[in-house]
Amino acid sequence: MSSRWPVRRPTESAALRAVGRSARPLPPVTALMAALVEANDRRDREGVALAAHLVVRAADPGVGE
């Protein structure tokens, strides 16, 4: 069954604007450091990068703004 009108989907820029409007609290630095150690032990390069960036953002909220 096809619709007469296409389903509207948000663009990437609209999604980024929506995310920017709401504050997203970060977990405590100790939990992020534990995740960083775990990712490093598992040799998960993407997990290490993600956890490291979150640690920096949690330690200094002015980073990335």
N, C-alpha and C. Protein backbone atom coordinates (compact mmCIF):
# COMPACT_ATOMS: atom_id res chain seq x y z
N MET A 1 0.85 -1.16 0.00
CA MET A 1 0.00 0.00 0.00
C MET A 1 0.90 1.24 0.00
N SER A 2 0.75 2.10 -0.96
CA SER A 2 1.60 3.28 -1.02
C SER A 2 0.80 4.51 -0.59
N SER A 3 1.50 5.42 -0.04
CA SER A 3 0.88 6.65 0.45
C SER A 3 0.87 7.69 -0.66
N ARG A 4 -0.04 8.59 -0.57
CA ARG A 4 -0.10 9.67 -1.54
C ARG A 4 1.04 10.66 -1.34
N TRP A 5 1.38 10.86 -0.08
CA TRP A 5 2.44 11.80 0.25
C TRP A 5 3.62 11.06 0.83
N PRO A 6 4.83 11.48 0.49
CA PRO A 6 6.00 10.80 1.06
C PRO A 6 6.12 11.10 2.56
N VAL A 7 6.71 10.18 3.27
CA VAL A 7 6.94 10.35 4.69
C VAL A 7 8.11 11.32 4.87
N ARG A 8 7.89 12.36 5.65
CA ARG A 8 8.96 13.33 5.88
C ARG A 8 9.94 12.78 6.88
N ARG A 9 11.20 12.89 6.57
CA ARG A 9 12.26 12.44 7.47
C ARG A 9 13.18 13.62 7.75
N PRO A 10 13.62 13.74 9.01
CA PRO A 10 14.49 14.88 9.33
C PRO A 10 15.84 14.74 8.63
N THR A 11 16.36 15.86 8.24
CA THR A 11 17.70 15.87 7.66
C THR A 11 18.73 15.82 8.77
N GLU A 12 19.95 15.62 8.40
CA GLU A 12 21.01 15.56 9.42
C GLU A 12 21.10 16.88 10.17
N SER A 13 21.01 17.99 9.47
CA SER A 13 21.12 19.29 10.16
C SER A 13 19.96 19.51 11.11
N ALA A 14 18.76 19.09 10.75
CA ALA A 14 17.62 19.23 11.65
C ALA A 14 17.79 18.36 12.89
N ALA A 15 18.33 17.17 12.70
CA ALA A 15 18.57 16.28 13.84
C ALA A 15 19.62 16.87 14.77
N LEU A 16 20.67 17.44 14.21
CA LEU A 16 21.71 18.05 15.05
C LEU A 16 21.18 19.26 15.81
N ARG A 17 20.32 20.05 15.17
CA ARG A 17 19.71 21.20 15.86
C ARG A 17 18.83 20.72 17.01
N ALA A 18 18.08 19.66 16.79
CA ALA A 18 17.21 19.13 17.85
C ALA A 18 18.03 18.62 19.03
N VAL A 19 19.13 17.96 18.77
CA VAL A 19 19.98 17.47 19.85
C VAL A 19 20.61 18.63 20.60
N GLY A 20 20.98 19.68 19.90
CA GLY A 20 21.61 20.83 20.52
C GLY A 20 20.68 21.60 21.44
N ARG A 21 19.38 21.43 21.27
CA ARG A 21 18.43 22.17 22.11
C ARG A 21 18.27 21.57 23.49
N SER A 22 18.65 20.33 23.69
CA SER A 22 18.45 19.70 24.99
C SER A 22 19.79 19.36 25.63
N ALA A 23 19.85 19.56 26.93
CA ALA A 23 21.07 19.23 27.67
C ALA A 23 21.13 17.72 27.87
N ARG A 24 22.30 17.18 27.67
CA ARG A 24 22.46 15.74 27.85
C ARG A 24 23.52 15.52 28.93
N PRO A 25 23.09 15.17 30.14
CA PRO A 25 24.06 15.00 31.22
C PRO A 25 24.99 13.81 30.95
N LEU A 26 26.25 14.01 31.28
CA LEU A 26 27.24 12.95 31.09
C LEU A 26 27.37 12.12 32.37
N PRO A 27 27.74 10.86 32.24
CA PRO A 27 27.98 10.03 33.42
C PRO A 27 29.19 10.57 34.20
N PRO A 28 29.36 10.14 35.44
CA PRO A 28 30.52 10.59 36.22
C PRO A 28 31.83 10.17 35.54
N VAL A 29 32.87 10.94 35.80
CA VAL A 29 34.18 10.68 35.19
C VAL A 29 34.69 9.29 35.58
N THR A 30 34.42 8.86 36.81
CA THR A 30 34.90 7.53 37.23
C THR A 30 34.28 6.42 36.38
N ALA A 31 33.00 6.54 36.06
CA ALA A 31 32.35 5.54 35.21
C ALA A 31 32.90 5.58 33.80
N LEU A 32 33.18 6.78 33.30
CA LEU A 32 33.76 6.91 31.96
C LEU A 32 35.17 6.35 31.91
N MET A 33 35.94 6.56 32.97
CA MET A 33 37.30 6.01 33.01
C MET A 33 37.25 4.48 33.05
N ALA A 34 36.29 3.92 33.78
CA ALA A 34 36.13 2.46 33.80
C ALA A 34 35.79 1.94 32.41
N ALA A 35 34.94 2.66 31.69
CA ALA A 35 34.59 2.26 30.32
C ALA A 35 35.81 2.36 29.41
N LEU A 36 36.63 3.38 29.63
CA LEU A 36 37.85 3.55 28.84
C LEU A 36 38.82 2.39 29.07
N VAL A 37 38.99 1.99 30.32
CA VAL A 37 39.87 0.87 30.64
C VAL A 37 39.33 -0.43 30.04
N GLU A 38 38.02 -0.63 30.14
CA GLU A 38 37.39 -1.83 29.58
C GLU A 38 37.58 -1.89 28.06
N ALA A 39 37.35 -0.77 27.39
CA ALA A 39 37.52 -0.74 25.93
C ALA A 39 38.97 -0.98 25.55
N ASN A 40 39.88 -0.46 26.34
CA ASN A 40 41.31 -0.66 26.06
C ASN A 40 41.68 -2.13 26.25
N ASP A 41 41.16 -2.76 27.30
CA ASP A 41 41.44 -4.18 27.53
C ASP A 41 40.91 -5.05 26.39
N ARG A 42 39.78 -4.66 25.83
CA ARG A 42 39.18 -5.43 24.73
C ARG A 42 39.76 -5.05 23.36
N ARG A 43 40.68 -4.12 23.35
CA ARG A 43 41.29 -3.62 22.11
C ARG A 43 40.24 -3.06 21.14
N ASP A 44 39.28 -2.34 21.71
CA ASP A 44 38.21 -1.72 20.94
C ASP A 44 38.60 -0.27 20.67
N ARG A 45 39.16 -0.02 19.49
CA ARG A 45 39.67 1.32 19.19
C ARG A 45 38.58 2.37 19.16
N GLU A 46 37.43 2.04 18.60
CA GLU A 46 36.34 3.01 18.55
C GLU A 46 35.80 3.29 19.96
N GLY A 47 35.72 2.26 20.79
CA GLY A 47 35.27 2.45 22.17
C GLY A 47 36.24 3.29 22.96
N VAL A 48 37.54 3.10 22.73
CA VAL A 48 38.55 3.91 23.41
C VAL A 48 38.41 5.36 23.01
N ALA A 49 38.25 5.61 21.72
CA ALA A 49 38.11 6.99 21.23
C ALA A 49 36.86 7.64 21.81
N LEU A 50 35.75 6.92 21.81
CA LEU A 50 34.50 7.46 22.32
C LEU A 50 34.61 7.76 23.82
N ALA A 51 35.12 6.80 24.57
CA ALA A 51 35.25 7.00 26.02
C ALA A 51 36.21 8.14 26.34
N ALA A 52 37.32 8.22 25.61
CA ALA A 52 38.29 9.29 25.86
C ALA A 52 37.67 10.66 25.59
N HIS A 53 36.91 10.78 24.51
CA HIS A 53 36.27 12.06 24.22
C HIS A 53 35.24 12.42 25.29
N LEU A 54 34.50 11.43 25.77
CA LEU A 54 33.51 11.70 26.82
C LEU A 54 34.17 12.07 28.14
N VAL A 55 35.32 11.48 28.43
CA VAL A 55 36.05 11.84 29.66
C VAL A 55 36.46 13.32 29.59
N VAL A 56 36.98 13.72 28.46
CA VAL A 56 37.40 15.13 28.31
C VAL A 56 36.21 16.06 28.43
N ARG A 57 35.08 15.71 27.78
CA ARG A 57 33.90 16.57 27.86
C ARG A 57 33.35 16.63 29.28
N ALA A 58 33.40 15.52 30.02
CA ALA A 58 32.88 15.51 31.38
C ALA A 58 33.79 16.29 32.32
N ALA A 59 35.10 16.24 32.08
CA ALA A 59 36.05 16.92 32.95
C ALA A 59 36.02 18.42 32.73
N ASP A 60 35.81 18.87 31.49
CA ASP A 60 35.79 20.31 31.19
C ASP A 60 34.59 20.60 30.28
N PRO A 61 33.48 21.05 30.84
CA PRO A 61 32.28 21.27 30.04
C PRO A 61 32.44 22.30 28.92
N GLY A 62 33.46 23.12 28.97
CA GLY A 62 33.67 24.13 27.93
C GLY A 62 34.24 23.55 26.66
N VAL A 63 34.70 22.31 26.67
CA VAL A 63 35.29 21.69 25.50
C VAL A 63 34.20 21.36 24.49
N GLY A 64 34.45 21.69 23.24
CA GLY A 64 33.53 21.34 22.17
C GLY A 64 32.40 22.31 21.97
N GLU A 65 32.42 23.44 22.64
CA GLU A 65 31.34 24.42 22.44
C GLU A 65 31.81 25.56 21.59
